[in-house]
């Protein structure tokens, strides 16, 4: 038996199997990195230009609420990919939302 240890648990598989928990965590981290990094260009552009006119206040407010819910969900599950991604995404979304509220 192969014992695969992950961030939250261990799984047991015969040696011929790929450890599914490790692959699951890998894809979770890849998704977390990709979706979080997708906000970086908008955040940089918004900070440089101070131009938020084309950004929807409703969209960013509702999106930020959704990220908070995802973060709470990740904390309740103890899933680090969800926690890390949504902590960083929340910081980026709040910065853009704050700029939108400040500069209109």
C-alpha atoms as a PDB file:
ATOM      1  CA  UNK A   1       0.000   0.000   0.000  1.00  0.00           C
ATOM      2  CA  UNK A   2       1.110   3.517  -0.838  1.00  0.00           C
ATOM      3  CA  UNK A   3       0.295   6.184   1.711  1.00  0.00           C
ATOM      4  CA  UNK A   4      -0.237   9.628   0.219  1.00  0.00           C
ATOM      5  CA  UNK A   5      -0.202  12.499   2.651  1.00  0.00           C
ATOM      6  CA  UNK A   6      -1.939  15.739   1.767  1.00  0.00           C
ATOM      7  CA  UNK A   7      -2.482  18.985   3.629  1.00  0.00           C
ATOM      8  CA  UNK A   8      -5.655  17.752   5.275  1.00  0.00           C
ATOM      9  CA  UNK A   9      -5.640  13.942   5.279  1.00  0.00           C
ATOM     10  CA  UNK A  10      -3.975  10.721   4.207  1.00  0.00           C
ATOM     11  CA  UNK A  11      -5.241   8.301   1.580  1.00  0.00           C
ATOM     12  CA  UNK A  12      -4.299   4.690   0.953  1.00  0.00           C
ATOM     13  CA  UNK A  13      -3.897   3.283  -2.568  1.00  0.00           C
ATOM     14  CA  UNK A  14      -2.270   0.219  -4.072  1.00  0.00           C
ATOM     15  CA  UNK A  15       1.156   1.123  -5.545  1.00  0.00           C
ATOM     16  CA  UNK A  16      -0.188   1.052  -9.121  1.00  0.00           C
ATOM     17  CA  UNK A  17      -2.519   4.012  -8.517  1.00  0.00           C
ATOM     18  CA  UNK A  18      -1.635   7.684  -8.668  1.00  0.00           C
ATOM     19  CA  UNK A  19      -2.354   9.370  -5.377  1.00  0.00           C
ATOM     20  CA  UNK A  20      -5.635  11.121  -6.150  1.00  0.00           C
ATOM     21  CA  UNK A  21      -5.467  13.464  -3.200  1.00  0.00           C
ATOM     22  CA  UNK A  22      -2.131  14.841  -4.406  1.00  0.00           C
ATOM     23  CA  UNK A  23      -3.540  15.397  -7.914  1.00  0.00           C
ATOM     24  CA  UNK A  24      -6.641  17.016  -6.444  1.00  0.00           C
ATOM     25  CA  UNK A  25      -4.534  19.397  -4.380  1.00  0.00           C
ATOM     26  CA  UNK A  26      -2.318  20.136  -7.372  1.00  0.00           C
ATOM     27  CA  UNK A  27      -5.297  21.166  -9.507  1.00  0.00           C
ATOM     28  CA  UNK A  28      -6.725  23.126  -6.589  1.00  0.00           C
ATOM     29  CA  UNK A  29      -3.507  25.108  -6.279  1.00  0.00           C
ATOM     30  CA  UNK A  30      -3.262  25.619 -10.061  1.00  0.00           C
ATOM     31  CA  UNK A  31      -6.830  26.943 -10.142  1.00  0.00           C
ATOM     32  CA  UNK A  32      -6.128  29.149  -7.145  1.00  0.00           C
ATOM     33  CA  UNK A  33      -3.023  30.641  -8.748  1.00  0.00           C
ATOM     34  CA  UNK A  34      -4.687  31.210 -12.131  1.00  0.00           C
ATOM     35  CA  UNK A  35      -7.860  32.839 -10.822  1.00  0.00           C
ATOM     36  CA  UNK A  36      -6.027  34.967  -8.273  1.00  0.00           C
ATOM     37  CA  UNK A  37      -3.419  36.187 -10.749  1.00  0.00           C
ATOM     38  CA  UNK A  38      -6.172  37.132 -13.182  1.00  0.00           C
ATOM     39  CA  UNK A  39      -6.983  40.100 -10.901  1.00  0.00           C
ATOM     40  CA  UNK A  40      -3.452  41.466 -10.784  1.00  0.00           C
ATOM     41  CA  UNK A  41      -3.515  43.303 -14.161  1.00  0.00           C
ATOM     42  CA  UNK A  42      -6.797  45.076 -13.320  1.00  0.00           C
ATOM     43  CA  UNK A  43      -5.518  46.025  -9.879  1.00  0.00           C
ATOM     44  CA  UNK A  44      -2.265  47.431 -11.298  1.00  0.00           C
ATOM     45  CA  UNK A  45      -4.117  49.334 -14.027  1.00  0.00           C
ATOM     46  CA  UNK A  46      -6.615  50.773 -11.543  1.00  0.00           C
ATOM     47  CA  UNK A  47      -3.877  51.912  -9.157  1.00  0.00           C
ATOM     48  CA  UNK A  48      -1.849  53.502 -11.960  1.00  0.00           C
ATOM     49  CA  UNK A  49      -4.685  55.324 -13.711  1.00  0.00           C
ATOM     50  CA  UNK A  50      -7.131  55.871 -10.848  1.00  0.00           C
ATOM     51  CA  UNK A  51      -9.744  55.309 -13.562  1.00  0.00           C
ATOM     52  CA  UNK A  52     -12.658  53.240 -12.263  1.00  0.00           C
ATOM     53  CA  UNK A  53     -15.440  54.728 -14.381  1.00  0.00           C
ATOM     54  CA  UNK A  54     -15.871  51.621 -16.525  1.00  0.00           C
ATOM     55  CA  UNK A  55     -15.913  49.267 -13.519  1.00  0.00           C
ATOM     56  CA  UNK A  56     -19.286  48.196 -12.174  1.00  0.00           C
ATOM     57  CA  UNK A  57     -19.714  48.981  -8.476  1.00  0.00           C
ATOM     58  CA  UNK A  58     -22.484  46.394  -8.179  1.00  0.00           C
ATOM     59  CA  UNK A  59     -20.380  43.697  -9.797  1.00  0.00           C
ATOM     60  CA  UNK A  60     -17.340  44.311  -7.575  1.00  0.00           C
ATOM     61  CA  UNK A  61     -19.461  44.586  -4.417  1.00  0.00           C
ATOM     62  CA  UNK A  62     -21.301  41.352  -5.163  1.00  0.00           C
ATOM     63  CA  UNK A  63     -18.097  39.625  -6.300  1.00  0.00           C
ATOM     64  CA  UNK A  64     -16.335  40.635  -3.076  1.00  0.00           C
ATOM     65  CA  UNK A  65     -19.235  39.205  -1.060  1.00  0.00           C
ATOM     66  CA  UNK A  66     -18.888  35.957  -3.037  1.00  0.00           C
ATOM     67  CA  UNK A  67     -15.148  35.785  -2.345  1.00  0.00           C
ATOM     68  CA  UNK A  68     -15.834  36.265   1.370  1.00  0.00           C
ATOM     69  CA  UNK A  69     -18.282  33.344   1.207  1.00  0.00           C
ATOM     70  CA  UNK A  70     -15.683  31.192  -0.621  1.00  0.00           C
ATOM     71  CA  UNK A  71     -13.107  32.088   2.011  1.00  0.00           C
ATOM     72  CA  UNK A  72     -15.435  31.087   4.852  1.00  0.00           C
ATOM     73  CA  UNK A  73     -16.252  27.857   2.986  1.00  0.00           C
ATOM     74  CA  UNK A  74     -12.545  27.072   2.601  1.00  0.00           C
ATOM     75  CA  UNK A  75     -11.902  27.768   6.274  1.00  0.00           C
ATOM     76  CA  UNK A  76     -14.784  25.517   7.331  1.00  0.00           C
ATOM     77  CA  UNK A  77     -13.434  22.715   5.112  1.00  0.00           C
ATOM     78  CA  UNK A  78      -9.819  23.380   6.071  1.00  0.00           C
ATOM     79  CA  UNK A  79      -8.874  23.431   2.373  1.00  0.00           C
ATOM     80  CA  UNK A  80      -5.711  25.481   1.913  1.00  0.00           C
ATOM     81  CA  UNK A  81      -6.030  26.021  -1.857  1.00  0.00           C
ATOM     82  CA  UNK A  82      -9.439  27.644  -1.310  1.00  0.00           C
ATOM     83  CA  UNK A  83      -8.271  29.618   1.727  1.00  0.00           C
ATOM     84  CA  UNK A  84      -5.105  30.980   0.132  1.00  0.00           C
ATOM     85  CA  UNK A  85      -6.681  31.829  -3.215  1.00  0.00           C
ATOM     86  CA  UNK A  86      -9.634  33.612  -1.719  1.00  0.00           C
ATOM     87  CA  UNK A  87      -7.561  35.497   0.841  1.00  0.00           C
ATOM     88  CA  UNK A  88      -5.417  36.934  -1.945  1.00  0.00           C
ATOM     89  CA  UNK A  89      -8.383  37.477  -4.275  1.00  0.00           C
ATOM     90  CA  UNK A  90     -10.246  39.255  -1.477  1.00  0.00           C
ATOM     91  CA  UNK A  91      -7.312  41.623  -0.963  1.00  0.00           C
ATOM     92  CA  UNK A  92      -7.197  42.422  -4.685  1.00  0.00           C
ATOM     93  CA  UNK A  93     -10.977  42.779  -5.010  1.00  0.00           C
ATOM     94  CA  UNK A  94     -11.183  44.998  -1.929  1.00  0.00           C
ATOM     95  CA  UNK A  95      -8.446  47.235  -3.290  1.00  0.00           C
ATOM     96  CA  UNK A  96     -10.326  47.677  -6.576  1.00  0.00           C
ATOM     97  CA  UNK A  97     -13.641  48.137  -4.747  1.00  0.00           C
ATOM     98  CA  UNK A  98     -12.029  50.733  -2.482  1.00  0.00           C
ATOM     99  CA  UNK A  99     -10.664  52.595  -5.504  1.00  0.00           C
ATOM    100  CA  UNK A 100     -14.108  52.476  -7.117  1.00  0.00           C
ATOM    101  CA  UNK A 101     -15.735  53.935  -4.009  1.00  0.00           C
ATOM    102  CA  UNK A 102     -13.039  56.599  -3.669  1.00  0.00           C
ATOM    103  CA  UNK A 103     -12.658  57.688  -7.288  1.00  0.00           C
ATOM    104  CA  UNK A 104     -16.104  56.804  -8.621  1.00  0.00           C
END
